[in-house]
PDB file of all heavy atoms in Angstrom:
ATOM      1  N   THR A   1      -4.619  19.711   7.545  1.00  0.00           N
ATOM      2  CA  THR A   1      -3.163  19.661   7.592  1.00  0.00           C
ATOM      3  C   THR A   1      -2.791  18.408   6.920  1.00  0.00           C
ATOM      4  O   THR A   1      -3.124  17.296   7.340  1.00  0.00           O
ATOM      5  CB  THR A   1      -2.665  19.679   9.072  1.00  0.00           C
ATOM      6  OG1 THR A   1      -3.127  20.876   9.731  1.00  0.00           O
ATOM      7  CG2 THR A   1      -1.245  19.687   9.081  1.00  0.00           C
ATOM      8  N   PRO A   2      -1.958  18.511   5.840  1.00  0.00           N
ATOM      9  CA  PRO A   2      -1.445  17.242   5.194  1.00  0.00           C
ATOM     10  C   PRO A   2      -0.680  16.290   6.155  1.00  0.00           C
ATOM     11  O   PRO A   2      -0.085  16.680   7.099  1.00  0.00           O
ATOM     12  CB  PRO A   2      -0.526  17.829   4.181  1.00  0.00           C
ATOM     13  CG  PRO A   2      -0.957  19.232   3.872  1.00  0.00           C
ATOM     14  CD  PRO A   2      -1.301  19.690   5.290  1.00  0.00           C
ATOM     15  N   GLY A   3      -0.759  15.038   5.678  1.00  0.00           N
ATOM     16  CA  GLY A   3       0.075  14.032   6.542  1.00  0.00           C
ATOM     17  C   GLY A   3       1.496  14.312   6.359  1.00  0.00           C
ATOM     18  O   GLY A   3       2.001  14.907   5.424  1.00  0.00           O
ATOM     19  N   ASN A   4       2.271  13.708   7.318  1.00  0.00           N
ATOM     20  CA  ASN A   4       3.736  13.842   7.329  1.00  0.00           C
ATOM     21  C   ASN A   4       4.387  13.079   6.261  1.00  0.00           C
ATOM     22  O   ASN A   4       3.785  11.986   5.703  1.00  0.00           O
ATOM     23  CB  ASN A   4       4.315  13.443   8.623  1.00  0.00           C
ATOM     24  CG  ASN A   4       3.797  14.359   9.796  1.00  0.00           C
ATOM     25  OD1 ASN A   4       3.675  15.549   9.654  1.00  0.00           O
ATOM     26  ND2 ASN A   4       3.685  13.852  10.945  1.00  0.00           N
ATOM     27  N   GLN A   5       5.616  13.404   5.769  1.00  0.00           N
ATOM     28  CA  GLN A   5       6.315  12.634   4.812  1.00  0.00           C
ATOM     29  C   GLN A   5       7.148  11.598   5.481  1.00  0.00           C
ATOM     30  O   GLN A   5       7.800  11.852   6.497  1.00  0.00           O
ATOM     31  CB  GLN A   5       7.118  13.523   3.949  1.00  0.00           C
ATOM     32  CG  GLN A   5       6.439  14.459   3.058  1.00  0.00           C
ATOM     33  CD  GLN A   5       7.309  15.317   2.270  1.00  0.00           C
ATOM     34  OE1 GLN A   5       8.616  15.252   2.444  1.00  0.00           O
ATOM     35  NE2 GLN A   5       6.863  16.074   1.389  1.00  0.00           N
ATOM     36  N   LEU A   6       7.228  10.403   4.848  1.00  0.00           N
ATOM     37  CA  LEU A   6       8.105   9.391   5.389  1.00  0.00           C
ATOM     38  C   LEU A   6       9.364   9.264   4.477  1.00  0.00           C
ATOM     39  O   LEU A   6       9.151   9.029   3.346  1.00  0.00           O
ATOM     40  CB  LEU A   6       7.379   7.913   5.397  1.00  0.00           C
ATOM     41  CG  LEU A   6       6.212   7.868   6.293  1.00  0.00           C
ATOM     42  CD1 LEU A   6       5.699   6.338   6.282  1.00  0.00           C
ATOM     43  CD2 LEU A   6       6.415   8.359   7.704  1.00  0.00           C
ATOM     44  N   TRP A   7      10.513   9.531   5.015  1.00  0.00           N
ATOM     45  CA  TRP A   7      11.773   9.298   4.205  1.00  0.00           C
ATOM     46  C   TRP A   7      12.367   8.025   4.626  1.00  0.00           C
ATOM     47  O   TRP A   7      12.685   7.857   5.917  1.00  0.00           O
ATOM     48  CB  TRP A   7      12.756  10.451   4.454  1.00  0.00           C
ATOM     49  CG  TRP A   7      12.267  11.767   3.710  1.00  0.00           C
ATOM     50  CD1 TRP A   7      11.249  12.658   3.958  1.00  0.00           C
ATOM     51  CD2 TRP A   7      12.975  12.238   2.603  1.00  0.00           C
ATOM     52  NE1 TRP A   7      11.252  13.596   3.131  1.00  0.00           N
ATOM     53  CE2 TRP A   7      12.303  13.444   2.212  1.00  0.00           C
ATOM     54  CE3 TRP A   7      14.030  11.879   1.767  1.00  0.00           C
ATOM     55  CZ2 TRP A   7      12.613  14.240   1.100  1.00  0.00           C
ATOM     56  CZ3 TRP A   7      14.446  12.721   0.789  1.00  0.00           C
ATOM     57  CH2 TRP A   7      13.774  13.811   0.392  1.00  0.00           C
ATOM     58  N   LEU A   8      12.465   7.047   3.717  1.00  0.00           N
ATOM     59  CA  LEU A   8      12.878   5.681   4.086  1.00  0.00           C
ATOM     60  C   LEU A   8      14.360   5.576   4.023  1.00  0.00           C
ATOM     61  O   LEU A   8      15.031   6.414   3.370  1.00  0.00           O
ATOM     62  CB  LEU A   8      12.202   4.686   3.216  1.00  0.00           C
ATOM     63  CG  LEU A   8      10.691   4.843   2.928  1.00  0.00           C
ATOM     64  CD1 LEU A   8      10.284   3.646   2.058  1.00  0.00           C
ATOM     65  CD2 LEU A   8      10.057   4.814   4.277  1.00  0.00           C
ATOM     66  N   SER A   9      14.927   4.591   4.649  1.00  0.00           N
ATOM     67  CA  SER A   9      16.246   4.188   4.532  1.00  0.00           C
ATOM     68  C   SER A   9      16.557   3.347   3.286  1.00  0.00           C
ATOM     69  O   SER A   9      17.692   3.165   2.879  1.00  0.00           O
ATOM     70  CB  SER A   9      16.733   3.450   5.794  1.00  0.00           C
ATOM     71  OG  SER A   9      15.935   2.162   5.884  1.00  0.00           O
ATOM     72  N   ILE A  10      15.431   2.929   2.592  1.00  0.00           N
ATOM     73  CA  ILE A  10      15.547   2.121   1.409  1.00  0.00           C
ATOM     74  C   ILE A  10      16.190   2.946   0.216  1.00  0.00           C
ATOM     75  O   ILE A  10      15.850   4.045  -0.043  1.00  0.00           O
ATOM     76  CB  ILE A  10      14.118   1.614   1.051  1.00  0.00           C
ATOM     77  CG1 ILE A  10      13.541   0.631   2.053  1.00  0.00           C
ATOM     78  CG2 ILE A  10      14.033   1.060  -0.312  1.00  0.00           C
ATOM     79  CD1 ILE A  10      14.163  -0.682   2.104  1.00  0.00           C
ATOM     80  N   ASP A  11      17.032   2.277  -0.442  1.00  0.00           N
ATOM     81  CA  ASP A  11      17.507   2.689  -1.770  1.00  0.00           C
ATOM     82  C   ASP A  11      16.721   2.024  -2.801  1.00  0.00           C
ATOM     83  O   ASP A  11      16.929   0.773  -3.064  1.00  0.00           O
ATOM     84  CB  ASP A  11      19.020   2.408  -1.813  1.00  0.00           C
ATOM     85  CG  ASP A  11      19.596   2.976  -3.059  1.00  0.00           C
ATOM     86  OD1 ASP A  11      18.900   3.155  -4.143  1.00  0.00           O
ATOM     87  OD2 ASP A  11      20.886   3.312  -3.164  1.00  0.00           O
ATOM     88  N   VAL A  12      15.813   2.654  -3.427  1.00  0.00           N
ATOM     89  CA  VAL A  12      14.806   2.038  -4.286  1.00  0.00           C
ATOM     90  C   VAL A  12      15.576   1.496  -5.523  1.00  0.00           C
ATOM     91  O   VAL A  12      15.156   0.397  -6.198  1.00  0.00           O
ATOM     92  CB  VAL A  12      13.686   2.926  -4.743  1.00  0.00           C
ATOM     93  CG1 VAL A  12      14.128   3.962  -5.820  1.00  0.00           C
ATOM     94  CG2 VAL A  12      12.502   2.204  -5.253  1.00  0.00           C
ATOM     95  N   LYS A  13      16.787   1.972  -5.944  1.00  0.00           N
ATOM     96  CA  LYS A  13      17.428   1.378  -7.138  1.00  0.00           C
ATOM     97  C   LYS A  13      18.040   0.064  -6.722  1.00  0.00           C
ATOM     98  O   LYS A  13      18.034  -0.921  -7.431  1.00  0.00           O
ATOM     99  CB  LYS A  13      18.684   2.385  -7.500  1.00  0.00           C
ATOM    100  CG  LYS A  13      18.167   3.616  -8.169  1.00  0.00           C
ATOM    101  CD  LYS A  13      19.343   4.527  -8.698  1.00  0.00           C
ATOM    102  CE  LYS A  13      18.850   5.655  -9.449  1.00  0.00           C
ATOM    103  NZ  LYS A  13      19.957   6.577  -9.849  1.00  0.00           N
ATOM    104  N   LEU A  14      18.530  -0.047  -5.426  1.00  0.00           N
ATOM    105  CA  LEU A  14      18.937  -1.425  -5.005  1.00  0.00           C
ATOM    106  C   LEU A  14      17.920  -2.322  -4.874  1.00  0.00           C
ATOM    107  O   LEU A  14      17.924  -3.543  -5.260  1.00  0.00           O
ATOM    108  CB  LEU A  14      19.750  -1.193  -3.689  1.00  0.00           C
ATOM    109  CG  LEU A  14      20.200  -2.452  -2.945  1.00  0.00           C
ATOM    110  CD1 LEU A  14      21.162  -3.260  -3.761  1.00  0.00           C
ATOM    111  CD2 LEU A  14      20.749  -2.111  -1.476  1.00  0.00           C
ATOM    112  N   GLN A  15      16.679  -1.776  -4.362  1.00  0.00           N
ATOM    113  CA  GLN A  15      15.503  -2.567  -4.131  1.00  0.00           C
ATOM    114  C   GLN A  15      15.015  -3.159  -5.524  1.00  0.00           C
ATOM    115  O   GLN A  15      14.745  -4.394  -5.644  1.00  0.00           O
ATOM    116  CB  GLN A  15      14.377  -1.738  -3.620  1.00  0.00           C
ATOM    117  CG  GLN A  15      13.044  -2.402  -3.375  1.00  0.00           C
ATOM    118  CD  GLN A  15      12.979  -3.150  -2.171  1.00  0.00           C
ATOM    119  OE1 GLN A  15      13.662  -3.000  -1.165  1.00  0.00           O
ATOM    120  NE2 GLN A  15      11.990  -4.187  -2.094  1.00  0.00           N
ATOM    121  N   ALA A  16      14.976  -2.335  -6.524  1.00  0.00           N
ATOM    122  CA  ALA A  16      14.564  -2.790  -7.883  1.00  0.00           C
ATOM    123  C   ALA A  16      15.562  -3.779  -8.505  1.00  0.00           C
ATOM    124  O   ALA A  16      15.146  -4.780  -9.139  1.00  0.00           O
ATOM    125  CB  ALA A  16      14.400  -1.628  -8.791  1.00  0.00           C
ATOM    126  N   LEU A  17      16.883  -3.493  -8.353  1.00  0.00           N
ATOM    127  CA  LEU A  17      17.774  -4.396  -8.818  1.00  0.00           C
ATOM    128  C   LEU A  17      17.687  -5.834  -8.207  1.00  0.00           C
ATOM    129  O   LEU A  17      17.744  -6.762  -8.971  1.00  0.00           O
ATOM    130  CB  LEU A  17      19.224  -3.828  -8.447  1.00  0.00           C
ATOM    131  CG  LEU A  17      20.419  -4.748  -8.861  1.00  0.00           C
ATOM    132  CD1 LEU A  17      20.415  -5.020 -10.393  1.00  0.00           C
ATOM    133  CD2 LEU A  17      21.777  -4.166  -8.368  1.00  0.00           C
ATOM    134  N   VAL A  18      17.526  -5.860  -6.871  1.00  0.00           N
ATOM    135  CA  VAL A  18      17.415  -7.280  -6.203  1.00  0.00           C
ATOM    136  C   VAL A  18      16.179  -7.954  -6.762  1.00  0.00           C
ATOM    137  O   VAL A  18      16.073  -9.205  -7.121  1.00  0.00           O
ATOM    138  CB  VAL A  18      17.361  -7.100  -4.734  1.00  0.00           C
ATOM    139  CG1 VAL A  18      17.054  -8.405  -4.069  1.00  0.00           C
ATOM    140  CG2 VAL A  18      18.654  -6.531  -4.200  1.00  0.00           C
ATOM    141  N   GLU A  19      14.990  -7.158  -6.899  1.00  0.00           N
ATOM    142  CA  GLU A  19      13.833  -7.810  -7.310  1.00  0.00           C
ATOM    143  C   GLU A  19      13.910  -8.353  -8.669  1.00  0.00           C
ATOM    144  O   GLU A  19      13.405  -9.392  -9.041  1.00  0.00           O
ATOM    145  CB  GLU A  19      12.564  -6.809  -7.261  1.00  0.00           C
ATOM    146  CG  GLU A  19      12.171  -6.501  -5.856  1.00  0.00           C
ATOM    147  CD  GLU A  19      11.016  -5.553  -5.775  1.00  0.00           C
ATOM    148  OE1 GLU A  19      10.479  -5.185  -6.710  1.00  0.00           O
ATOM    149  OE2 GLU A  19      10.709  -5.028  -4.659  1.00  0.00           O
ATOM    150  N   GLN A  20      14.608  -7.591  -9.464  1.00  0.00           N
ATOM    151  CA  GLN A  20      14.856  -7.960 -10.884  1.00  0.00           C
ATOM    152  C   GLN A  20      15.736  -9.229 -10.976  1.00  0.00           C
ATOM    153  O   GLN A  20      15.483 -10.187 -11.718  1.00  0.00           O
ATOM    154  CB  GLN A  20      15.592  -6.875 -11.722  1.00  0.00           C
ATOM    155  CG  GLN A  20      15.859  -7.144 -13.144  1.00  0.00           C
ATOM    156  CD  GLN A  20      16.628  -6.095 -13.864  1.00  0.00           C
ATOM    157  OE1 GLN A  20      16.861  -5.126 -13.269  1.00  0.00           O
ATOM    158  NE2 GLN A  20      16.857  -6.284 -15.132  1.00  0.00           N
ATOM    159  N   MET A  21      16.743  -9.277 -10.116  1.00  0.00           N
ATOM    160  CA  MET A  21      17.574 -10.535 -10.129  1.00  0.00           C
ATOM    161  C   MET A  21      16.945 -11.807  -9.633  1.00  0.00           C
ATOM    162  O   MET A  21      17.230 -12.849 -10.029  1.00  0.00           O
ATOM    163  CB  MET A  21      18.755 -10.199  -9.200  1.00  0.00           C
ATOM    164  CG  MET A  21      19.785  -9.103  -9.764  1.00  0.00           C
ATOM    165  SD  MET A  21      21.023  -8.669  -8.575  1.00  0.00           S
ATOM    166  CE  MET A  21      22.133 -10.198  -8.568  1.00  0.00           C
ATOM    167  N   PHE A  22      15.888 -11.644  -8.762  1.00  0.00           N
ATOM    168  CA  PHE A  22      15.089 -12.715  -8.325  1.00  0.00           C
ATOM    169  C   PHE A  22      14.283 -13.354  -9.463  1.00  0.00           C
ATOM    170  O   PHE A  22      14.096 -14.504  -9.448  1.00  0.00           O
ATOM    171  CB  PHE A  22      14.179 -12.459  -7.212  1.00  0.00           C
ATOM    172  CG  PHE A  22      14.612 -12.671  -5.791  1.00  0.00           C
ATOM    173  CD1 PHE A  22      15.212 -11.688  -5.169  1.00  0.00           C
ATOM    174  CD2 PHE A  22      14.361 -13.884  -5.289  1.00  0.00           C
ATOM    175  CE1 PHE A  22      15.638 -11.973  -3.858  1.00  0.00           C
ATOM    176  CE2 PHE A  22      14.786 -14.171  -3.974  1.00  0.00           C
ATOM    177  CZ  PHE A  22      15.397 -13.187  -3.268  1.00  0.00           C
ATOM    178  N   GLY A  23      13.961 -12.541 -10.500  1.00  0.00           N
ATOM    179  CA  GLY A  23      13.184 -13.080 -11.597  1.00  0.00           C
ATOM    180  C   GLY A  23      11.888 -13.570 -11.132  1.00  0.00           C
ATOM    181  O   GLY A  23      11.107 -12.938 -10.367  1.00  0.00           O
ATOM    182  N   GLY A  24      11.434 -14.756 -11.632  1.00  0.00           N
ATOM    183  CA  GLY A  24      10.168 -15.328 -11.313  1.00  0.00           C
ATOM    184  C   GLY A  24      10.317 -16.332 -10.103  1.00  0.00           C
ATOM    185  O   GLY A  24       9.290 -16.993  -9.725  1.00  0.00           O
ATOM    186  N   ARG A  25      11.389 -16.279  -9.370  1.00  0.00           N
ATOM    187  CA  ARG A  25      11.593 -17.209  -8.345  1.00  0.00           C
ATOM    188  C   ARG A  25      10.980 -16.649  -6.986  1.00  0.00           C
ATOM    189  O   ARG A  25      10.830 -15.489  -6.857  1.00  0.00           O
ATOM    190  CB  ARG A  25      12.991 -17.480  -8.003  1.00  0.00           C
ATOM    191  CG  ARG A  25      13.621 -18.333  -9.207  1.00  0.00           C
ATOM    192  CD  ARG A  25      15.166 -18.641  -8.875  1.00  0.00           C
ATOM    193  NE  ARG A  25      16.062 -17.456  -8.915  1.00  0.00           N
ATOM    194  CZ  ARG A  25      16.575 -16.963  -9.905  1.00  0.00           C
ATOM    195  NH1 ARG A  25      16.469 -17.651 -11.101  1.00  0.00           N
ATOM    196  NH2 ARG A  25      17.412 -15.893  -9.835  1.00  0.00           N
ATOM    197  N   ARG A  26      10.497 -17.547  -6.095  1.00  0.00           N
ATOM    198  CA  ARG A  26      10.157 -17.025  -4.724  1.00  0.00           C
ATOM    199  C   ARG A  26      11.272 -16.999  -3.804  1.00  0.00           C
ATOM    200  O   ARG A  26      12.310 -17.648  -4.049  1.00  0.00           O
ATOM    201  CB  ARG A  26       9.173 -18.107  -4.168  1.00  0.00           C
ATOM    202  CG  ARG A  26       7.771 -18.235  -4.881  1.00  0.00           C
ATOM    203  CD  ARG A  26       7.000 -19.322  -4.363  1.00  0.00           C
ATOM    204  NE  ARG A  26       7.491 -20.750  -4.563  1.00  0.00           N
ATOM    205  CZ  ARG A  26       6.924 -21.832  -4.247  1.00  0.00           C
ATOM    206  NH1 ARG A  26       5.731 -21.773  -3.848  1.00  0.00           N
ATOM    207  NH2 ARG A  26       7.534 -22.958  -4.365  1.00  0.00           N
ATOM    208  N   GLY A  27      11.168 -16.004  -2.861  1.00  0.00           N
ATOM    209  CA  GLY A  27      12.212 -15.765  -1.955  1.00  0.00           C
ATOM    210  C   GLY A  27      12.139 -14.435  -1.227  1.00  0.00           C
ATOM    211  O   GLY A  27      11.207 -13.759  -1.410  1.00  0.00           O
ATOM    212  N   ALA A  28      13.173 -14.157  -0.478  1.00  0.00           N
ATOM    213  CA  ALA A  28      13.163 -12.927   0.238  1.00  0.00           C
ATOM    214  C   ALA A  28      14.583 -12.476   0.476  1.00  0.00           C
ATOM    215  O   ALA A  28      15.541 -13.310   0.645  1.00  0.00           O
ATOM    216  CB  ALA A  28      12.463 -13.052   1.639  1.00  0.00           C
ATOM    217  N   LEU A  29      14.885 -11.115   0.625  1.00  0.00           N
ATOM    218  CA  LEU A  29      16.191 -10.683   0.986  1.00  0.00           C
ATOM    219  C   LEU A  29      16.043  -9.399   1.789  1.00  0.00           C
ATOM    220  O   LEU A  29      15.189  -8.577   1.533  1.00  0.00           O
ATOM    221  CB  LEU A  29      16.930 -10.316  -0.321  1.00  0.00           C
ATOM    222  CG  LEU A  29      18.395  -9.751  -0.148  1.00  0.00           C
ATOM    223  CD1 LEU A  29      19.300 -10.235  -1.218  1.00  0.00           C
ATOM    224  CD2 LEU A  29      18.285  -8.208  -0.180  1.00  0.00           C
ATOM    225  N   VAL A  30      16.886  -9.333   2.798  1.00  0.00           N
ATOM    226  CA  VAL A  30      16.959  -8.020   3.633  1.00  0.00           C
ATOM    227  C   VAL A  30      18.353  -7.543   3.662  1.00  0.00           C
ATOM    228  O   VAL A  30      19.266  -8.382   4.020  1.00  0.00           O
ATOM    229  CB  VAL A  30      16.370  -8.238   4.962  1.00  0.00           C
ATOM    230  CG1 VAL A  30      16.485  -7.027   5.830  1.00  0.00           C
ATOM    231  CG2 VAL A  30      14.920  -8.840   4.899  1.00  0.00           C
ATOM    232  N   ALA A  31      18.703  -6.370   3.267  1.00  0.00           N
ATOM    233  CA  ALA A  31      19.983  -5.755   3.356  1.00  0.00           C
ATOM    234  C   ALA A  31      20.025  -4.741   4.477  1.00  0.00           C
ATOM    235  O   ALA A  31      19.200  -3.762   4.321  1.00  0.00           O
ATOM    236  CB  ALA A  31      20.387  -5.153   2.069  1.00  0.00           C
ATOM    237  N   ILE A  32      20.857  -4.901   5.462  1.00  0.00           N
ATOM    238  CA  ILE A  32      20.880  -3.853   6.596  1.00  0.00           C
ATOM    239  C   ILE A  32      22.330  -3.249   6.646  1.00  0.00           C
ATOM    240  O   ILE A  32      23.299  -3.941   6.542  1.00  0.00           O
ATOM    241  CB  ILE A  32      20.549  -4.615   7.858  1.00  0.00           C
ATOM    242  CG1 ILE A  32      19.174  -5.155   7.962  1.00  0.00           C
ATOM    243  CG2 ILE A  32      20.727  -3.649   9.112  1.00  0.00           C
ATOM    244  CD1 ILE A  32      18.776  -5.885   9.156  1.00  0.00           C
ATOM    245  N   ASP A  33      22.340  -1.980   6.978  1.00  0.00           N
ATOM    246  CA  ASP A  33      23.634  -1.308   7.283  1.00  0.00           C
ATOM    247  C   ASP A  33      23.857  -1.675   8.745  1.00  0.00           C
ATOM    248  O   ASP A  33      23.159  -1.116   9.674  1.00  0.00           O
ATOM    249  CB  ASP A  33      23.400   0.252   7.152  1.00  0.00           C
ATOM    250  CG  ASP A  33      24.757   0.943   7.369  1.00  0.00           C
ATOM    251  OD1 ASP A  33      25.683   0.306   8.080  1.00  0.00           O
ATOM    252  OD2 ASP A  33      24.872   2.057   6.787  1.00  0.00           O
ATOM    253  N   PRO A  34      24.837  -2.422   9.032  1.00  0.00           N
ATOM    254  CA  PRO A  34      25.184  -2.997  10.503  1.00  0.00           C
ATOM    255  C   PRO A  34      25.434  -1.758  11.356  1.00  0.00           C
ATOM    256  O   PRO A  34      25.059  -1.851  12.605  1.00  0.00           O
ATOM    257  CB  PRO A  34      26.427  -3.764  10.330  1.00  0.00           C
ATOM    258  CG  PRO A  34      26.514  -4.164   8.851  1.00  0.00           C
ATOM    259  CD  PRO A  34      25.931  -2.985   8.133  1.00  0.00           C
ATOM    260  N   ARG A  35      25.887  -0.628  10.968  1.00  0.00           N
ATOM    261  CA  ARG A  35      26.341   0.417  11.817  1.00  0.00           C
ATOM    262  C   ARG A  35      25.115   1.225  12.385  1.00  0.00           C
ATOM    263  O   ARG A  35      25.145   1.912  13.360  1.00  0.00           O
ATOM    264  CB  ARG A  35      27.142   1.438  10.998  1.00  0.00           C
ATOM    265  CG  ARG A  35      28.500   0.850  10.496  1.00  0.00           C
ATOM    266  CD  ARG A  35      29.119   1.746   9.481  1.00  0.00           C
ATOM    267  NE  ARG A  35      28.274   1.876   8.251  1.00  0.00           N
ATOM    268  CZ  ARG A  35      28.609   2.570   7.231  1.00  0.00           C
ATOM    269  NH1 ARG A  35      29.709   3.227   7.089  1.00  0.00           N
ATOM    270  NH2 ARG A  35      27.676   2.594   6.172  1.00  0.00           N
ATOM    271  N   SER A  36      23.941   1.196  11.573  1.00  0.00           N
ATOM    272  CA  SER A  36      22.752   2.086  12.047  1.00  0.00           C
ATOM    273  C   SER A  36      21.567   1.262  12.123  1.00  0.00           C
ATOM    274  O   SER A  36      20.525   1.732  12.702  1.00  0.00           O
ATOM    275  CB  SER A  36      22.633   3.212  11.046  1.00  0.00           C
ATOM    276  OG  SER A  36      22.323   2.691   9.627  1.00  0.00           O
ATOM    277  N   GLY A  37      21.462   0.039  11.481  1.00  0.00           N
ATOM    278  CA  GLY A  37      20.230  -0.679  11.479  1.00  0.00           C
ATOM    279  C   GLY A  37      19.298  -0.302  10.356  1.00  0.00           C
ATOM    280  O   GLY A  37      18.189  -0.796  10.158  1.00  0.00           O
ATOM    281  N   GLU A  38      19.751   0.670   9.521  1.00  0.00           N
ATOM    282  CA  GLU A  38      18.918   1.178   8.411  1.00  0.00           C
ATOM    283  C   GLU A  38      18.735  -0.115   7.382  1.00  0.00           C
ATOM    284  O   GLU A  38      19.827  -0.680   6.983  1.00  0.00           O
ATOM    285  CB  GLU A  38      19.550   2.349   7.708  1.00  0.00           C
ATOM    286  CG  GLU A  38      19.538   3.635   8.573  1.00  0.00           C
ATOM    287  CD  GLU A  38      20.121   4.788   7.849  1.00  0.00           C
ATOM    288  OE1 GLU A  38      20.632   4.638   6.714  1.00  0.00           O
ATOM    289  OE2 GLU A  38      20.263   5.851   8.370  1.00  0.00           O
ATOM    290  N   VAL A  39      17.516  -0.289   6.894  1.00  0.00           N
ATOM    291  CA  VAL A  39      17.300  -1.260   5.976  1.00  0.00           C
ATOM    292  C   VAL A  39      17.382  -0.695   4.532  1.00  0.00           C
ATOM    293  O   VAL A  39      16.661   0.210   4.266  1.00  0.00           O
ATOM    294  CB  VAL A  39      15.925  -1.912   6.129  1.00  0.00           C
ATOM    295  CG1 VAL A  39      15.615  -3.070   5.224  1.00  0.00           C
ATOM    296  CG2 VAL A  39      15.783  -2.531   7.506  1.00  0.00           C
TER     297      VAL A  39
END
């Protein structure tokens, strides 16, 4: 029986945009929807 699928709250376009904006710098960012807790 195949494993279950995980559907994330992540918007990968937003994820890729933020990673691109960081460039070569070190750091971290977390964006949360306050209404649901979805990251």
